[in-house]
Amino acid sequence: MSGGSFARERRILKADEFSSAFRFRPVQKTAHFALYARANELPHARLGVVAAKRFAPRAATRNMIKRVTREIFRQSELMNVDCIVRLSKPVNSKAGPATNAQLKRALRDEVLRLFVSQRTAKSAISVQAVSIPESSS
């Protein structure tokens, strides 16, 4: 999955697939996110992102979180695992800016740390360290 697309087969879409992953305890937590992971029987990894409105009230912020998470997932080389990244703490308020470079950088670092943490997991997951280029916005 080298820098390619985020095809439908790489996504977790169904509610029962999300709930089966949520039954397990989070594999890794950061200041704002929780990563749920479980092995699957597919030849590739799949990703689901949950960004609740109560933790990120502005749609622009939720969309930025999803874009950053997908980009890091695309560039990571995970095998046979379903990953759900869930926003678990508020990232900003309606009063503050929806997105800024500092917020984007902090969230990018946290999400990258989640995927890199899978390197030490018991399952056969291999993650290559990924550097995401800074984008202006």
N, C-alpha and C. Protein backbone atom coordinates (compact mmCIF):
# COMPACT_ATOMS: atom_id res chain seq x y z
N MET A 1 0.84 -1.17 0.00
CA MET A 1 0.00 0.00 0.00
C MET A 1 0.88 1.23 0.00
N SER A 2 1.73 1.37 -0.94
CA SER A 2 2.70 2.45 -0.97
C SER A 2 2.10 3.72 -1.53
N GLY A 3 1.78 4.66 -0.63
CA GLY A 3 1.30 5.97 -1.03
C GLY A 3 0.07 5.97 -1.90
N GLY A 4 -0.59 4.84 -2.07
CA GLY A 4 -1.69 4.73 -3.00
C GLY A 4 -2.98 5.32 -2.49
N SER A 5 -4.05 4.83 -3.03
CA SER A 5 -5.36 5.37 -2.71
C SER A 5 -5.89 4.77 -1.41
N PHE A 6 -7.00 5.29 -0.99
CA PHE A 6 -7.69 4.78 0.19
C PHE A 6 -8.99 4.17 -0.30
N ALA A 7 -8.86 3.04 -0.99
CA ALA A 7 -9.99 2.38 -1.65
C ALA A 7 -11.01 1.88 -0.63
N ARG A 8 -12.20 1.61 -1.10
CA ARG A 8 -13.30 1.16 -0.25
C ARG A 8 -12.92 -0.10 0.53
N GLU A 9 -12.16 -0.99 -0.06
CA GLU A 9 -11.78 -2.22 0.63
C GLU A 9 -10.84 -1.97 1.81
N ARG A 10 -10.23 -0.81 1.88
CA ARG A 10 -9.32 -0.45 2.97
C ARG A 10 -10.04 0.28 4.11
N ARG A 11 -11.34 0.45 4.00
CA ARG A 11 -12.11 1.19 5.00
C ARG A 11 -12.97 0.26 5.83
N ILE A 12 -13.18 0.62 7.07
CA ILE A 12 -14.17 -0.05 7.90
C ILE A 12 -15.42 0.79 7.78
N LEU A 13 -16.49 0.21 7.25
CA LEU A 13 -17.69 0.97 6.94
C LEU A 13 -18.91 0.56 7.75
N LYS A 14 -19.03 -0.70 8.08
CA LYS A 14 -20.25 -1.20 8.70
C LYS A 14 -20.23 -1.02 10.21
N ALA A 15 -21.40 -0.76 10.76
CA ALA A 15 -21.52 -0.53 12.20
C ALA A 15 -21.08 -1.74 13.01
N ASP A 16 -21.38 -2.96 12.53
CA ASP A 16 -20.98 -4.14 13.28
C ASP A 16 -19.47 -4.34 13.29
N GLU A 17 -18.79 -3.90 12.24
CA GLU A 17 -17.32 -3.98 12.22
C GLU A 17 -16.71 -3.00 13.22
N PHE A 18 -17.30 -1.80 13.32
CA PHE A 18 -16.84 -0.84 14.32
C PHE A 18 -17.09 -1.38 15.72
N SER A 19 -18.31 -1.88 15.98
CA SER A 19 -18.62 -2.32 17.34
C SER A 19 -17.81 -3.53 17.75
N SER A 20 -17.47 -4.40 16.82
CA SER A 20 -16.64 -5.55 17.20
C SER A 20 -15.24 -5.11 17.60
N ALA A 21 -14.72 -4.06 16.99
CA ALA A 21 -13.41 -3.54 17.39
C ALA A 21 -13.49 -2.79 18.71
N PHE A 22 -14.60 -2.10 18.96
CA PHE A 22 -14.75 -1.35 20.21
C PHE A 22 -14.93 -2.26 21.42
N ARG A 23 -15.26 -3.52 21.20
CA ARG A 23 -15.40 -4.45 22.32
C ARG A 23 -14.06 -4.68 23.02
N PHE A 24 -12.99 -4.54 22.28
CA PHE A 24 -11.66 -4.72 22.85
C PHE A 24 -11.21 -3.42 23.51
N ARG A 25 -10.27 -3.53 24.40
CA ARG A 25 -9.71 -2.33 25.02
C ARG A 25 -8.83 -1.61 24.01
N PRO A 26 -8.67 -0.30 24.19
CA PRO A 26 -7.78 0.43 23.28
C PRO A 26 -6.36 -0.11 23.38
N VAL A 27 -5.72 -0.24 22.24
CA VAL A 27 -4.35 -0.72 22.19
C VAL A 27 -3.39 0.36 22.66
N GLN A 28 -3.68 1.57 22.25
CA GLN A 28 -2.80 2.70 22.54
C GLN A 28 -3.65 3.94 22.74
N LYS A 29 -3.21 4.81 23.66
CA LYS A 29 -3.90 6.08 23.87
C LYS A 29 -2.88 7.21 23.82
N THR A 30 -3.32 8.35 23.31
CA THR A 30 -2.52 9.56 23.36
C THR A 30 -3.39 10.62 24.04
N ALA A 31 -2.94 11.86 24.02
CA ALA A 31 -3.67 12.93 24.69
C ALA A 31 -5.09 13.09 24.15
N HIS A 32 -5.31 12.88 22.85
CA HIS A 32 -6.62 13.11 22.26
C HIS A 32 -7.23 11.88 21.58
N PHE A 33 -6.47 10.83 21.37
CA PHE A 33 -6.95 9.70 20.56
C PHE A 33 -6.82 8.38 21.30
N ALA A 34 -7.62 7.41 20.85
CA ALA A 34 -7.49 6.02 21.28
C ALA A 34 -7.45 5.18 20.00
N LEU A 35 -6.56 4.22 19.97
CA LEU A 35 -6.45 3.31 18.82
C LEU A 35 -6.95 1.95 19.25
N TYR A 36 -7.93 1.44 18.51
CA TYR A 36 -8.44 0.09 18.71
C TYR A 36 -7.94 -0.72 17.52
N ALA A 37 -7.35 -1.87 17.79
CA ALA A 37 -6.83 -2.69 16.70
C ALA A 37 -7.15 -4.15 16.99
N ARG A 38 -7.47 -4.87 15.94
CA ARG A 38 -7.68 -6.30 16.05
C ARG A 38 -7.28 -6.94 14.72
N ALA A 39 -6.81 -8.14 14.79
CA ALA A 39 -6.37 -8.84 13.58
C ALA A 39 -7.59 -9.15 12.71
N ASN A 40 -7.37 -9.11 11.39
CA ASN A 40 -8.42 -9.52 10.47
C ASN A 40 -7.88 -10.62 9.57
N GLU A 41 -8.72 -11.19 8.75
CA GLU A 41 -8.30 -12.29 7.89
C GLU A 41 -8.14 -11.85 6.45
N LEU A 42 -7.98 -10.56 6.24
CA LEU A 42 -7.80 -10.02 4.90
C LEU A 42 -6.31 -9.85 4.62
N PRO A 43 -5.94 -9.72 3.35
CA PRO A 43 -4.51 -9.55 3.04
C PRO A 43 -4.02 -8.11 3.25
N HIS A 44 -4.86 -7.25 3.78
CA HIS A 44 -4.49 -5.85 3.95
C HIS A 44 -5.12 -5.29 5.22
N ALA A 45 -4.64 -4.14 5.63
CA ALA A 45 -5.18 -3.46 6.80
C ALA A 45 -6.38 -2.60 6.40
N ARG A 46 -7.25 -2.32 7.36
CA ARG A 46 -8.39 -1.44 7.14
C ARG A 46 -8.42 -0.38 8.24
N LEU A 47 -9.02 0.75 7.92
CA LEU A 47 -9.05 1.87 8.86
C LEU A 47 -10.46 2.41 9.02
N GLY A 48 -10.78 2.78 10.25
CA GLY A 48 -11.99 3.51 10.55
C GLY A 48 -11.61 4.69 11.44
N VAL A 49 -12.24 5.83 11.21
CA VAL A 49 -11.95 7.03 12.00
C VAL A 49 -13.25 7.52 12.60
N VAL A 50 -13.24 7.78 13.91
CA VAL A 50 -14.41 8.29 14.60
C VAL A 50 -14.02 9.62 15.23
N ALA A 51 -14.65 10.68 14.76
CA ALA A 51 -14.41 12.03 15.30
C ALA A 51 -15.77 12.62 15.66
N ALA A 52 -16.12 12.54 16.92
CA ALA A 52 -17.44 12.98 17.38
C ALA A 52 -17.54 14.50 17.42
N LYS A 53 -18.72 14.99 17.15
CA LYS A 53 -18.98 16.42 17.14
C LYS A 53 -18.78 17.04 18.53
N ARG A 54 -19.00 16.28 19.56
CA ARG A 54 -18.84 16.85 20.90
C ARG A 54 -17.38 17.10 21.25
N PHE A 55 -16.45 16.42 20.59
CA PHE A 55 -15.03 16.64 20.85
C PHE A 55 -14.39 17.59 19.84
N ALA A 56 -14.98 17.71 18.68
CA ALA A 56 -14.50 18.64 17.64
C ALA A 56 -15.74 19.28 17.03
N PRO A 57 -16.23 20.39 17.61
CA PRO A 57 -17.52 20.94 17.20
C PRO A 57 -17.57 21.47 15.77
N ARG A 58 -16.43 21.79 15.19
CA ARG A 58 -16.44 22.34 13.84
C ARG A 58 -16.13 21.25 12.82
N ALA A 59 -16.90 21.23 11.75
CA ALA A 59 -16.73 20.22 10.70
C ALA A 59 -15.35 20.29 10.08
N ALA A 60 -14.80 21.48 9.94
CA ALA A 60 -13.47 21.63 9.34
C ALA A 60 -12.42 20.91 10.18
N THR A 61 -12.56 20.96 11.49
CA THR A 61 -11.62 20.26 12.37
C THR A 61 -11.78 18.75 12.25
N ARG A 62 -13.02 18.28 12.25
CA ARG A 62 -13.24 16.83 12.12
C ARG A 62 -12.71 16.31 10.79
N ASN A 63 -12.93 17.05 9.72
CA ASN A 63 -12.43 16.64 8.41
C ASN A 63 -10.90 16.63 8.37
N MET A 64 -10.27 17.61 9.01
CA MET A 64 -8.81 17.66 9.05
C MET A 64 -8.26 16.45 9.81
N ILE A 65 -8.91 16.08 10.91
CA ILE A 65 -8.50 14.91 11.68
C ILE A 65 -8.58 13.66 10.81
N LYS A 66 -9.65 13.51 10.07
CA LYS A 66 -9.82 12.34 9.20
C LYS A 66 -8.79 12.32 8.08
N ARG A 67 -8.53 13.48 7.47
CA ARG A 67 -7.54 13.55 6.39
C ARG A 67 -6.14 13.17 6.88
N VAL A 68 -5.75 13.73 8.02
CA VAL A 68 -4.41 13.45 8.57
C VAL A 68 -4.30 11.96 8.91
N THR A 69 -5.32 11.40 9.54
CA THR A 69 -5.28 9.99 9.92
C THR A 69 -5.19 9.09 8.70
N ARG A 70 -5.99 9.37 7.68
CA ARG A 70 -5.94 8.56 6.45
C ARG A 70 -4.58 8.65 5.77
N GLU A 71 -4.01 9.82 5.73
CA GLU A 71 -2.71 10.00 5.07
C GLU A 71 -1.63 9.19 5.78
N ILE A 72 -1.61 9.23 7.10
CA ILE A 72 -0.61 8.45 7.85
C ILE A 72 -0.86 6.96 7.66
N PHE A 73 -2.12 6.55 7.66
CA PHE A 73 -2.47 5.14 7.45
C PHE A 73 -2.01 4.68 6.07
N ARG A 74 -2.24 5.52 5.05
CA ARG A 74 -1.82 5.18 3.68
C ARG A 74 -0.33 4.94 3.59
N GLN A 75 0.44 5.73 4.30
CA GLN A 75 1.89 5.64 4.20
C GLN A 75 2.50 4.64 5.16
N SER A 76 1.70 4.13 6.09
CA SER A 76 2.17 3.09 7.00
C SER A 76 1.93 1.75 6.33
N GLU A 77 2.72 0.80 6.67
CA GLU A 77 2.54 -0.51 6.06
C GLU A 77 2.07 -1.49 7.12
N LEU A 78 0.78 -1.49 7.36
CA LEU A 78 0.17 -2.40 8.31
C LEU A 78 -0.38 -3.60 7.56
N MET A 79 -0.28 -4.76 8.17
CA MET A 79 -0.77 -5.97 7.53
C MET A 79 -1.82 -6.64 8.41
N ASN A 80 -2.90 -7.08 7.82
CA ASN A 80 -3.92 -7.91 8.46
C ASN A 80 -4.42 -7.37 9.80
N VAL A 81 -4.79 -6.11 9.82
CA VAL A 81 -5.30 -5.54 11.07
C VAL A 81 -6.39 -4.53 10.74
N ASP A 82 -7.40 -4.49 11.60
CA ASP A 82 -8.42 -3.45 11.52
C ASP A 82 -8.07 -2.42 12.58
N CYS A 83 -7.90 -1.19 12.17
CA CYS A 83 -7.55 -0.11 13.08
C CYS A 83 -8.69 0.90 13.13
N ILE A 84 -9.06 1.29 14.32
CA ILE A 84 -10.02 2.37 14.48
C ILE A 84 -9.36 3.43 15.34
N VAL A 85 -9.28 4.62 14.79
CA VAL A 85 -8.74 5.75 15.53
C VAL A 85 -9.94 6.57 15.97
N ARG A 86 -10.03 6.78 17.28
CA ARG A 86 -11.20 7.45 17.85
C ARG A 86 -10.75 8.69 18.62
N LEU A 87 -11.34 9.81 18.30
CA LEU A 87 -11.09 11.04 19.04
C LEU A 87 -11.76 10.89 20.41
N SER A 88 -10.98 11.03 21.48
CA SER A 88 -11.53 10.77 22.81
C SER A 88 -11.51 11.97 23.74
N LYS A 89 -10.89 13.07 23.33
CA LYS A 89 -10.85 14.30 24.14
C LYS A 89 -11.06 15.49 23.22
N PRO A 90 -11.62 16.58 23.73
CA PRO A 90 -11.84 17.77 22.90
C PRO A 90 -10.52 18.34 22.36
N VAL A 91 -10.53 18.74 21.10
CA VAL A 91 -9.32 19.32 20.50
C VAL A 91 -9.39 20.83 20.39
N ASN A 92 -10.55 21.40 20.24
CA ASN A 92 -10.71 22.85 20.22
C ASN A 92 -12.16 23.20 20.48
N SER A 93 -12.44 24.46 20.56
CA SER A 93 -13.81 24.90 20.83
C SER A 93 -14.34 25.68 19.63
N LYS A 94 -15.60 26.02 19.69
CA LYS A 94 -16.18 26.82 18.61
C LYS A 94 -15.59 28.21 18.58
N ALA A 95 -15.10 28.69 19.72
CA ALA A 95 -14.55 30.04 19.78
C ALA A 95 -13.19 30.14 19.09
N GLY A 96 -12.40 29.08 19.13
CA GLY A 96 -11.06 29.11 18.56
C GLY A 96 -11.07 28.84 17.07
N PRO A 97 -9.89 28.88 16.45
CA PRO A 97 -9.82 28.59 15.01
C PRO A 97 -10.13 27.12 14.74
N ALA A 98 -10.76 26.86 13.61
CA ALA A 98 -11.12 25.49 13.26
C ALA A 98 -9.87 24.66 12.98
N THR A 99 -8.97 25.21 12.25
CA THR A 99 -7.71 24.53 11.98
C THR A 99 -6.60 25.56 12.00
N ASN A 100 -5.47 25.16 12.46
CA ASN A 100 -4.28 25.99 12.37
C ASN A 100 -3.08 25.07 12.30
N ALA A 101 -1.97 25.63 11.96
CA ALA A 101 -0.77 24.81 11.74
C ALA A 101 -0.34 24.09 13.02
N GLN A 102 -0.45 24.77 14.16
CA GLN A 102 -0.03 24.16 15.42
C GLN A 102 -0.92 22.98 15.79
N LEU A 103 -2.24 23.14 15.65
CA LEU A 103 -3.17 22.06 15.94
C LEU A 103 -2.94 20.88 14.99
N LYS A 104 -2.77 21.17 13.72
CA LYS A 104 -2.55 20.13 12.72
C LYS A 104 -1.26 19.35 13.02
N ARG A 105 -0.21 20.05 13.37
CA ARG A 105 1.07 19.42 13.68
C ARG A 105 0.95 18.53 14.92
N ALA A 106 0.26 19.02 15.96
CA ALA A 106 0.09 18.25 17.18
C ALA A 106 -0.72 16.98 16.92
N LEU A 107 -1.82 17.10 16.16
CA LEU A 107 -2.64 15.93 15.86
C LEU A 107 -1.89 14.94 14.97
N ARG A 108 -1.12 15.45 14.02
CA ARG A 108 -0.33 14.58 13.14
C ARG A 108 0.67 13.76 13.97
N ASP A 109 1.32 14.42 14.92
CA ASP A 109 2.29 13.73 15.77
C ASP A 109 1.62 12.64 16.60
N GLU A 110 0.45 12.94 17.14
CA GLU A 110 -0.26 11.95 17.96
C GLU A 110 -0.70 10.75 17.13
N VAL A 111 -1.27 10.98 15.97
CA VAL A 111 -1.74 9.87 15.13
C VAL A 111 -0.55 9.04 14.64
N LEU A 112 0.53 9.69 14.28
CA LEU A 112 1.73 8.95 13.86
C LEU A 112 2.24 8.07 14.99
N ARG A 113 2.22 8.60 16.22
CA ARG A 113 2.65 7.82 17.38
C ARG A 113 1.77 6.59 17.57
N LEU A 114 0.47 6.71 17.30
CA LEU A 114 -0.42 5.56 17.43
C LEU A 114 -0.02 4.44 16.49
N PHE A 115 0.22 4.77 15.23
CA PHE A 115 0.55 3.74 14.25
C PHE A 115 1.95 3.17 14.48
N VAL A 116 2.88 4.00 14.90
CA VAL A 116 4.23 3.52 15.17
C VAL A 116 4.23 2.59 16.39
N SER A 117 3.32 2.84 17.32
CA SER A 117 3.24 2.00 18.53
C SER A 117 2.89 0.56 18.18
N GLN A 118 2.27 0.34 17.03
CA GLN A 118 1.89 -1.01 16.62
C GLN A 118 3.10 -1.87 16.28
N ARG A 119 4.25 -1.25 16.17
CA ARG A 119 5.49 -1.97 15.87
C ARG A 119 5.77 -3.03 16.93
N THR A 120 5.44 -2.72 18.18
CA THR A 120 5.74 -3.64 19.27
C THR A 120 4.58 -4.57 19.61
N ALA A 121 3.49 -4.49 18.86
CA ALA A 121 2.33 -5.34 19.13
C ALA A 121 2.65 -6.80 18.87
N LYS A 122 1.90 -7.69 19.53
CA LYS A 122 2.15 -9.12 19.38
C LYS A 122 1.81 -9.64 18.00
N SER A 123 0.82 -9.06 17.35
CA SER A 123 0.44 -9.55 16.03
C SER A 123 1.50 -9.18 15.00
N ALA A 124 1.40 -9.75 13.83
CA ALA A 124 2.41 -9.55 12.78
C ALA A 124 2.15 -8.26 12.02
N ILE A 125 2.34 -7.15 12.70
CA ILE A 125 2.13 -5.85 12.08
C ILE A 125 3.48 -5.19 11.96
N SER A 126 3.79 -4.70 10.80
CA SER A 126 5.03 -3.96 10.64
C SER A 126 4.70 -2.56 10.16
N VAL A 127 5.25 -1.58 10.85
CA VAL A 127 5.00 -0.19 10.51
C VAL A 127 6.34 0.46 10.23
N GLN A 128 6.41 1.14 9.12
CA GLN A 128 7.62 1.88 8.82
C GLN A 128 7.42 3.30 9.32
N ALA A 129 8.48 3.87 9.86
CA ALA A 129 8.40 5.26 10.30
C ALA A 129 8.09 6.13 9.10
N VAL A 130 7.16 7.02 9.27
CA VAL A 130 6.68 7.84 8.17
C VAL A 130 6.84 9.29 8.55
N SER A 131 7.32 10.09 7.63
CA SER A 131 7.33 11.52 7.88
C SER A 131 6.33 12.15 6.92
N ILE A 132 5.43 12.90 7.50
CA ILE A 132 4.38 13.56 6.72
C ILE A 132 4.83 14.97 6.45
N PRO A 133 4.88 15.38 5.18
CA PRO A 133 5.29 16.75 4.88
C PRO A 133 4.29 17.75 5.41
N GLU A 134 4.80 18.86 5.93
CA GLU A 134 3.93 19.91 6.42
C GLU A 134 3.20 20.55 5.25
N SER A 135 1.94 20.81 5.44
CA SER A 135 1.19 21.52 4.40
C SER A 135 0.68 22.80 4.99
N SER A 136 0.55 23.81 4.19
CA SER A 136 0.11 25.09 4.70
C SER A 136 -1.41 25.16 4.70
N SER A 137 -1.93 25.46 5.87
CA SER A 137 -3.37 25.70 6.01
C SER A 137 -3.66 26.15 7.41
